PDB file of N, CA and C in Angstrom:
ATOM      1  N   LYS A   1      32.696  -5.402   7.391  1.00  0.00           N
ATOM      2  CA  LYS A   1      31.465  -6.025   6.845  1.00  0.00           C
ATOM      3  C   LYS A   1      30.280  -5.921   7.756  1.00  0.00           C
ATOM      4  N   ALA A   2      30.584  -5.891   9.096  1.00  0.00           N
ATOM      5  CA  ALA A   2      29.485  -5.715  10.075  1.00  0.00           C
ATOM      6  C   ALA A   2      28.756  -4.374   9.880  1.00  0.00           C
ATOM      7  N   ASN A   3      29.509  -3.291   9.564  1.00  0.00           N
ATOM      8  CA  ASN A   3      28.846  -2.030   9.338  1.00  0.00           C
ATOM      9  C   ASN A   3      28.016  -2.005   8.080  1.00  0.00           C
ATOM     10  N   GLU A   4      28.453  -2.758   7.080  1.00  0.00           N
ATOM     11  CA  GLU A   4      27.628  -2.829   5.833  1.00  0.00           C
ATOM     12  C   GLU A   4      26.323  -3.581   6.142  1.00  0.00           C
ATOM     13  N   ILE A   5      26.372  -4.653   6.879  1.00  0.00           N
ATOM     14  CA  ILE A   5      25.175  -5.407   7.250  1.00  0.00           C
ATOM     15  C   ILE A   5      24.261  -4.538   8.053  1.00  0.00           C
ATOM     16  N   ASN A   6      24.842  -3.770   9.057  1.00  0.00           N
ATOM     17  CA  ASN A   6      23.974  -2.881   9.853  1.00  0.00           C
ATOM     18  C   ASN A   6      23.341  -1.804   9.011  1.00  0.00           C
ATOM     19  N   ARG A   7      24.113  -1.239   8.063  1.00  0.00           N
ATOM     20  CA  ARG A   7      23.492  -0.234   7.186  1.00  0.00           C
ATOM     21  C   ARG A   7      22.375  -0.839   6.363  1.00  0.00           C
ATOM     22  N   GLU A   8      22.553  -2.083   5.870  1.00  0.00           N
ATOM     23  CA  GLU A   8      21.515  -2.736   5.070  1.00  0.00           C
ATOM     24  C   GLU A   8      20.251  -2.994   5.887  1.00  0.00           C
ATOM     25  N   LEU A   9      20.474  -3.223   7.216  1.00  0.00           N
ATOM     26  CA  LEU A   9      19.281  -3.485   8.075  1.00  0.00           C
ATOM     27  C   LEU A   9      18.708  -2.162   8.572  1.00  0.00           C
ATOM     28  N   GLY A  10      19.341  -1.006   8.247  1.00  0.00           N
ATOM     29  CA  GLY A  10      18.810   0.281   8.632  1.00  0.00           C
ATOM     30  C   GLY A  10      19.143   0.597  10.116  1.00  0.00           C
ATOM     31  N   ARG A  11      20.273   0.066  10.658  1.00  0.00           N
ATOM     32  CA  ARG A  11      20.502   0.282  12.084  1.00  0.00           C
ATOM     33  C   ARG A  11      21.920   0.706  12.294  1.00  0.00           C
ATOM     34  N   PHE A  12      22.439   1.652  11.475  1.00  0.00           N
ATOM     35  CA  PHE A  12      23.826   2.069  11.511  1.00  0.00           C
ATOM     36  C   PHE A  12      24.069   3.389  12.279  1.00  0.00           C
ATOM     37  N   GLU A  13      22.985   4.218  12.431  1.00  0.00           N
ATOM     38  CA  GLU A  13      23.176   5.516  13.055  1.00  0.00           C
ATOM     39  C   GLU A  13      23.653   5.401  14.446  1.00  0.00           C
ATOM     40  N   PRO A  14      24.826   5.935  14.797  1.00  0.00           N
ATOM     41  CA  PRO A  14      25.387   5.818  16.156  1.00  0.00           C
ATOM     42  C   PRO A  14      24.456   6.320  17.224  1.00  0.00           C
ATOM     43  N   GLU A  15      23.798   7.432  16.956  1.00  0.00           N
ATOM     44  CA  GLU A  15      22.921   8.050  17.968  1.00  0.00           C
ATOM     45  C   GLU A  15      21.646   7.171  18.278  1.00  0.00           C
ATOM     46  N   GLU A  16      21.287   6.378  17.315  1.00  0.00           N
ATOM     47  CA  GLU A  16      20.068   5.612  17.419  1.00  0.00           C
ATOM     48  C   GLU A  16      20.366   4.050  17.567  1.00  0.00           C
ATOM     49  N   ARG A  17      21.635   3.720  17.574  1.00  0.00           N
ATOM     50  CA  ARG A  17      22.088   2.305  17.626  1.00  0.00           C
ATOM     51  C   ARG A  17      21.446   1.565  18.807  1.00  0.00           C
ATOM     52  N   HIS A  18      21.354   2.231  19.960  1.00  0.00           N
ATOM     53  CA  HIS A  18      20.851   1.642  21.150  1.00  0.00           C
ATOM     54  C   HIS A  18      19.382   1.195  21.018  1.00  0.00           C
ATOM     55  N   LEU A  19      18.635   1.745  20.077  1.00  0.00           N
ATOM     56  CA  LEU A  19      17.254   1.451  19.861  1.00  0.00           C
ATOM     57  C   LEU A  19      17.132   0.113  19.144  1.00  0.00           C
ATOM     58  N   PHE A  20      18.192  -0.337  18.503  1.00  0.00           N
ATOM     59  CA  PHE A  20      18.147  -1.568  17.692  1.00  0.00           C
ATOM     60  C   PHE A  20      18.887  -2.696  18.259  1.00  0.00           C
ATOM     61  N   GLN A  21      19.294  -2.568  19.561  1.00  0.00           N
ATOM     62  CA  GLN A  21      20.048  -3.681  20.172  1.00  0.00           C
ATOM     63  C   GLN A  21      19.097  -4.721  20.775  1.00  0.00           C
ATOM     64  N   ILE A  22      18.659  -5.592  19.891  1.00  0.00           N
ATOM     65  CA  ILE A  22      17.740  -6.616  20.284  1.00  0.00           C
ATOM     66  C   ILE A  22      18.421  -7.958  19.974  1.00  0.00           C
ATOM     67  N   GLU A  23      17.916  -8.957  20.665  1.00  0.00           N
ATOM     68  CA  GLU A  23      18.487 -10.304  20.439  1.00  0.00           C
ATOM     69  C   GLU A  23      17.701 -11.000  19.276  1.00  0.00           C
ATOM     70  N   ILE A  24      18.430 -11.408  18.323  1.00  0.00           N
ATOM     71  CA  ILE A  24      17.851 -12.100  17.189  1.00  0.00           C
ATOM     72  C   ILE A  24      18.215 -13.555  17.282  1.00  0.00           C
ATOM     73  N   PRO A  25      17.227 -14.452  17.290  1.00  0.00           N
ATOM     74  CA  PRO A  25      17.559 -15.879  17.388  1.00  0.00           C
ATOM     75  C   PRO A  25      18.547 -16.310  16.307  1.00  0.00           C
ATOM     76  N   ASN A  26      19.512 -17.121  16.762  1.00  0.00           N
ATOM     77  CA  ASN A  26      20.559 -17.580  15.867  1.00  0.00           C
ATOM     78  C   ASN A  26      19.977 -18.300  14.641  1.00  0.00           C
ATOM     79  N   LEU A  27      18.881 -18.999  14.840  1.00  0.00           N
ATOM     80  CA  LEU A  27      18.249 -19.756  13.763  1.00  0.00           C
ATOM     81  C   LEU A  27      17.889 -18.833  12.630  1.00  0.00           C
ATOM     82  N   MET A  28      17.419 -17.672  12.938  1.00  0.00           N
ATOM     83  CA  MET A  28      17.002 -16.708  11.961  1.00  0.00           C
ATOM     84  C   MET A  28      18.199 -15.936  11.392  1.00  0.00           C
ATOM     85  N   PHE A  29      19.097 -15.548  12.252  1.00  0.00           N
ATOM     86  CA  PHE A  29      20.252 -14.713  11.850  1.00  0.00           C
ATOM     87  C   PHE A  29      21.262 -15.500  10.914  1.00  0.00           C
ATOM     88  N   SER A  30      21.461 -16.796  11.245  1.00  0.00           N
ATOM     89  CA  SER A  30      22.471 -17.552  10.477  1.00  0.00           C
ATOM     90  C   SER A  30      22.079 -17.606   9.020  1.00  0.00           C
ATOM     91  N   SER A  31      20.779 -17.799   8.669  1.00  0.00           N
ATOM     92  CA  SER A  31      20.371 -17.838   7.328  1.00  0.00           C
ATOM     93  C   SER A  31      20.705 -16.503   6.622  1.00  0.00           C
ATOM     94  N   TYR A  32      20.416 -15.394   7.278  1.00  0.00           N
ATOM     95  CA  TYR A  32      20.672 -14.049   6.679  1.00  0.00           C
ATOM     96  C   TYR A  32      22.144 -13.882   6.497  1.00  0.00           C
ATOM     97  N   LEU A  33      22.928 -14.230   7.535  1.00  0.00           N
ATOM     98  CA  LEU A  33      24.392 -14.032   7.513  1.00  0.00           C
ATOM     99  C   LEU A  33      25.025 -14.845   6.336  1.00  0.00           C
ATOM    100  N   TYR A  34      24.683 -16.070   6.211  1.00  0.00           N
ATOM    101  CA  TYR A  34      25.262 -16.864   5.188  1.00  0.00           C
ATOM    102  C   TYR A  34      24.876 -16.367   3.749  1.00  0.00           C
ATOM    103  N   GLU A  35      23.575 -16.097   3.608  1.00  0.00           N
ATOM    104  CA  GLU A  35      23.132 -15.577   2.309  1.00  0.00           C
ATOM    105  C   GLU A  35      23.826 -14.288   1.941  1.00  0.00           C
ATOM    106  N   SER A  36      23.922 -13.362   2.908  1.00  0.00           N
ATOM    107  CA  SER A  36      24.529 -12.054   2.635  1.00  0.00           C
ATOM    108  C   SER A  36      25.978 -12.189   2.177  1.00  0.00           C
ATOM    109  N   GLN A  37      26.629 -13.309   2.515  1.00  0.00           N
ATOM    110  CA  GLN A  37      28.024 -13.572   2.190  1.00  0.00           C
ATOM    111  C   GLN A  37      28.119 -14.480   0.959  1.00  0.00           C
ATOM    112  N   GLY A  38      26.932 -14.910   0.384  1.00  0.00           N
ATOM    113  CA  GLY A  38      27.001 -15.798  -0.786  1.00  0.00           C
ATOM    114  C   GLY A  38      27.426 -17.208  -0.436  1.00  0.00           C
ATOM    115  N   ILE A  39      27.220 -17.590   0.878  1.00  0.00           N
ATOM    116  CA  ILE A  39      27.557 -18.948   1.285  1.00  0.00           C
ATOM    117  C   ILE A  39      26.305 -19.822   1.233  1.00  0.00           C
ATOM    118  N   GLU A  40      26.497 -20.955   0.567  1.00  0.00           N
ATOM    119  CA  GLU A  40      25.378 -21.891   0.446  1.00  0.00           C
ATOM    120  C   GLU A  40      25.739 -23.102   1.321  1.00  0.00           C
ATOM    121  N   ILE A  41      24.845 -23.534   2.152  1.00  0.00           N
ATOM    122  CA  ILE A  41      25.119 -24.708   3.054  1.00  0.00           C
ATOM    123  C   ILE A  41      23.979 -25.697   2.812  1.00  0.00           C
ATOM    124  N   ALA A  42      24.351 -26.941   2.548  1.00  0.00           N
ATOM    125  CA  ALA A  42      23.363 -28.000   2.307  1.00  0.00           C
ATOM    126  C   ALA A  42      22.819 -28.609   3.544  1.00  0.00           C
ATOM    127  N   LEU A  43      22.467 -27.777   4.506  1.00  0.00           N
ATOM    128  CA  LEU A  43      21.849 -28.194   5.724  1.00  0.00           C
ATOM    129  C   LEU A  43      20.578 -27.385   6.057  1.00  0.00           C
ATOM    130  N   SER A  44      19.676 -27.921   6.739  1.00  0.00           N
ATOM    131  CA  SER A  44      18.460 -27.142   7.146  1.00  0.00           C
ATOM    132  C   SER A  44      18.937 -26.120   8.200  1.00  0.00           C
ATOM    133  N   SER A  45      18.049 -25.123   8.417  1.00  0.00           N
ATOM    134  CA  SER A  45      18.336 -24.123   9.370  1.00  0.00           C
ATOM    135  C   SER A  45      18.544 -24.713  10.805  1.00  0.00           C
ATOM    136  N   ALA A  46      17.744 -25.711  11.106  1.00  0.00           N
ATOM    137  CA  ALA A  46      17.883 -26.406  12.411  1.00  0.00           C
ATOM    138  C   ALA A  46      19.222 -27.117  12.486  1.00  0.00           C
ATOM    139  N   GLU A  47      19.640 -27.758  11.438  1.00  0.00           N
ATOM    140  CA  GLU A  47      20.957 -28.444  11.473  1.00  0.00           C
ATOM    141  C   GLU A  47      22.102 -27.457  11.585  1.00  0.00           C
ATOM    142  N   ILE A  48      22.001 -26.326  10.849  1.00  0.00           N
ATOM    143  CA  ILE A  48      23.098 -25.332  11.037  1.00  0.00           C
ATOM    144  C   ILE A  48      23.132 -24.839  12.443  1.00  0.00           C
ATOM    145  N   ASP A  49      21.952 -24.615  13.074  1.00  0.00           N
ATOM    146  CA  ASP A  49      21.890 -24.153  14.433  1.00  0.00           C
ATOM    147  C   ASP A  49      22.538 -25.161  15.386  1.00  0.00           C
ATOM    148  N   THR A  50      22.244 -26.437  15.196  1.00  0.00           N
ATOM    149  CA  THR A  50      22.796 -27.520  16.043  1.00  0.00           C
ATOM    150  C   THR A  50      24.310 -27.533  15.887  1.00  0.00           C
ATOM    151  N   VAL A  51      24.818 -27.423  14.651  1.00  0.00           N
ATOM    152  CA  VAL A  51      26.296 -27.444  14.458  1.00  0.00           C
ATOM    153  C   VAL A  51      26.884 -26.291  15.206  1.00  0.00           C
ATOM    154  N   PHE A  52      26.306 -25.065  15.011  1.00  0.00           N
ATOM    155  CA  PHE A  52      26.850 -23.892  15.638  1.00  0.00           C
ATOM    156  C   PHE A  52      26.924 -23.994  17.108  1.00  0.00           C
ATOM    157  N   TRP A  53      25.774 -24.385  17.759  1.00  0.00           N
ATOM    158  CA  TRP A  53      25.743 -24.457  19.256  1.00  0.00           C
ATOM    159  C   TRP A  53      26.629 -25.578  19.839  1.00  0.00           C
ATOM    160  N   ASN A  54      26.693 -26.650  19.088  1.00  0.00           N
ATOM    161  CA  ASN A  54      27.557 -27.750  19.583  1.00  0.00           C
ATOM    162  C   ASN A  54      29.037 -27.296  19.575  1.00  0.00           C
ATOM    163  N   ALA A  55      29.412 -26.363  18.660  1.00  0.00           N
ATOM    164  CA  ALA A  55      30.770 -25.844  18.641  1.00  0.00           C
ATOM    165  C   ALA A  55      30.934 -24.675  19.552  1.00  0.00           C
ATOM    166  N   ALA A  56      29.899 -23.801  19.597  1.00  0.00           N
ATOM    167  CA  ALA A  56      30.080 -22.543  20.430  1.00  0.00           C
ATOM    168  C   ALA A  56      29.921 -22.772  21.903  1.00  0.00           C
ATOM    169  N   ALA A  57      29.045 -23.737  22.316  1.00  0.00           N
ATOM    170  CA  ALA A  57      28.760 -23.942  23.713  1.00  0.00           C
ATOM    171  C   ALA A  57      28.499 -25.440  23.975  1.00  0.00           C
ATOM    172  N   PRO A  58      29.531 -26.279  23.838  1.00  0.00           N
ATOM    173  CA  PRO A  58      29.298 -27.697  24.038  1.00  0.00           C
ATOM    174  C   PRO A  58      28.850 -27.979  25.436  1.00  0.00           C
ATOM    175  N   GLY A  59      27.888 -28.898  25.552  1.00  0.00           N
ATOM    176  CA  GLY A  59      27.381 -29.259  26.819  1.00  0.00           C
ATOM    177  C   GLY A  59      27.476 -30.718  27.087  1.00  0.00           C
ATOM    178  N   THR A  60      27.811 -31.121  28.290  1.00  0.00           N
ATOM    179  CA  THR A  60      27.824 -32.535  28.690  1.00  0.00           C
ATOM    180  C   THR A  60      27.140 -32.637  30.056  1.00  0.00           C
ATOM    181  N   PRO A  61      26.425 -33.758  30.303  1.00  0.00           N
ATOM    182  CA  PRO A  61      25.779 -33.940  31.579  1.00  0.00           C
ATOM    183  C   PRO A  61      26.834 -33.980  32.698  1.00  0.00           C
ATOM    184  N   THR A  62      26.463 -33.466  33.843  1.00  0.00           N
ATOM    185  CA  THR A  62      27.293 -33.564  35.028  1.00  0.00           C
ATOM    186  C   THR A  62      27.443 -35.006  35.484  1.00  0.00           C
ATOM    187  N   ASP A  63      28.646 -35.380  35.876  1.00  0.00           N
ATOM    188  CA  ASP A  63      28.865 -36.762  36.297  1.00  0.00           C
ATOM    189  C   ASP A  63      27.873 -37.134  37.419  1.00  0.00           C
ATOM    190  N   GLY A  64      27.216 -38.256  37.329  1.00  0.00           N
ATOM    191  CA  GLY A  64      26.294 -38.712  38.323  1.00  0.00           C
ATOM    192  C   GLY A  64      24.880 -38.159  38.307  1.00  0.00           C
ATOM    193  N   ILE A  65      24.608 -37.283  37.247  1.00  0.00           N
ATOM    194  CA  ILE A  65      23.340 -36.621  37.218  1.00  0.00           C
ATOM    195  C   ILE A  65      22.168 -37.620  36.959  1.00  0.00           C
ATOM    196  N   GLU A  66      22.408 -38.672  36.194  1.00  0.00           N
ATOM    197  CA  GLU A  66      21.332 -39.623  35.919  1.00  0.00           C
ATOM    198  C   GLU A  66      20.925 -40.365  37.197  1.00  0.00           C
ATOM    199  N   ASP A  67      21.939 -40.778  38.005  1.00  0.00           N
ATOM    200  CA  ASP A  67      21.631 -41.429  39.272  1.00  0.00           C
ATOM    201  C   ASP A  67      20.845 -40.482  40.189  1.00  0.00           C
ATOM    202  N   PHE A  68      21.291 -39.249  40.268  1.00  0.00           N
ATOM    203  CA  PHE A  68      20.650 -38.254  41.130  1.00  0.00           C
ATOM    204  C   PHE A  68      19.236 -38.010  40.694  1.00  0.00           C
ATOM    205  N   LEU A  69      18.985 -37.858  39.443  1.00  0.00           N
ATOM    206  CA  LEU A  69      17.613 -37.599  38.920  1.00  0.00           C
ATOM    207  C   LEU A  69      16.723 -38.898  39.219  1.00  0.00           C
ATOM    208  N   GLY A  70      17.296 -40.064  39.054  1.00  0.00           N
ATOM    209  CA  GLY A  70      16.590 -41.286  39.364  1.00  0.00           C
ATOM    210  C   GLY A  70      16.295 -41.346  40.890  1.00  0.00           C
ATOM    211  N   TYR A  71      17.132 -40.937  41.748  1.00  0.00           N
ATOM    212  CA  TYR A  71      16.917 -40.815  43.171  1.00  0.00           C
ATOM    213  C   TYR A  71      15.772 -39.869  43.496  1.00  0.00           C
ATOM    214  N   LEU A  72      15.815 -38.716  42.899  1.00  0.00           N
ATOM    215  CA  LEU A  72      14.735 -37.764  43.122  1.00  0.00           C
ATOM    216  C   LEU A  72      13.371 -38.328  42.629  1.00  0.00           C
ATOM    217  N   LYS A  73      13.366 -38.976  41.492  1.00  0.00           N
ATOM    218  CA  LYS A  73      12.130 -39.520  41.010  1.00  0.00           C
ATOM    219  C   LYS A  73      11.596 -40.577  41.915  1.00  0.00           C
ATOM    220  N   ASN A  74      12.466 -41.460  42.417  1.00  0.00           N
ATOM    221  CA  ASN A  74      12.046 -42.498  43.333  1.00  0.00           C
ATOM    222  C   ASN A  74      11.529 -41.938  44.650  1.00  0.00           C
ATOM    223  N   LYS A  75      11.972 -40.788  45.078  1.00  0.00           N
ATOM    224  CA  LYS A  75      11.513 -40.103  46.285  1.00  0.00           C
ATOM    225  C   LYS A  75      10.281 -39.274  46.046  1.00  0.00           C
ATOM    226  N   GLY A  76       9.829 -39.162  44.798  1.00  0.00           N
ATOM    227  CA  GLY A  76       8.659 -38.401  44.473  1.00  0.00           C
ATOM    228  C   GLY A  76       8.895 -36.870  44.431  1.00  0.00           C
ATOM    229  N   ILE A  77      10.178 -36.565  44.274  1.00  0.00           N
ATOM    230  CA  ILE A  77      10.541 -35.125  44.231  1.00  0.00           C
ATOM    231  C   ILE A  77      10.523 -34.644  42.770  1.00  0.00           C
ATOM    232  N   ARG A  78       9.666 -33.671  42.560  1.00  0.00           N
ATOM    233  CA  ARG A  78       9.538 -33.134  41.168  1.00  0.00           C
ATOM    234  C   ARG A  78      10.810 -32.372  40.795  1.00  0.00           C
ATOM    235  N   THR A  79      11.110 -32.404  39.524  1.00  0.00           N
ATOM    236  CA  THR A  79      12.268 -31.656  38.988  1.00  0.00           C
ATOM    237  C   THR A  79      11.855 -30.864  37.757  1.00  0.00           C
ATOM    238  N   GLY A  80      12.706 -29.918  37.422  1.00  0.00           N
ATOM    239  CA  GLY A  80      12.483 -29.098  36.241  1.00  0.00           C
ATOM    240  C   GLY A  80      13.821 -28.497  35.752  1.00  0.00           C
ATOM    241  N   VAL A  81      13.764 -27.901  34.640  1.00  0.00           N
ATOM    242  CA  VAL A  81      14.941 -27.284  34.055  1.00  0.00           C
ATOM    243  C   VAL A  81      14.722 -25.767  33.958  1.00  0.00           C
ATOM    244  N   ILE A  82      15.666 -25.027  34.479  1.00  0.00           N
ATOM    245  CA  ILE A  82      15.591 -23.531  34.345  1.00  0.00           C
ATOM    246  C   ILE A  82      16.836 -23.160  33.506  1.00  0.00           C
ATOM    247  N   SER A  83      16.514 -22.406  32.440  1.00  0.00           N
ATOM    248  CA  SER A  83      17.567 -21.988  31.540  1.00  0.00           C
ATOM    249  C   SER A  83      17.324 -20.624  30.988  1.00  0.00           C
ATOM    250  N   ASN A  84      18.383 -19.883  30.667  1.00  0.00           N
ATOM    251  CA  ASN A  84      18.181 -18.617  30.023  1.00  0.00           C
ATOM    252  C   ASN A  84      18.195 -18.818  28.553  1.00  0.00           C
TER     253      ASN A  84
END
């Protein structure tokens, strides 16, 4: 089925496949994927994305992180989040 989808998107040629290796946000791709398979889901795209990522890459805060962040704030140390 993956080859059929790639053909439909015009990116099946093995010699040119490397030209089309781009990252497509899951939010956009999931709608296309489900529609192409005739699957109807009674959730918004954002809700589908949340369900997917909660199952694919569950995340939980590190033990003690809230206390540590509070300590940094009390000391006037700025914080930020770096993520890929």
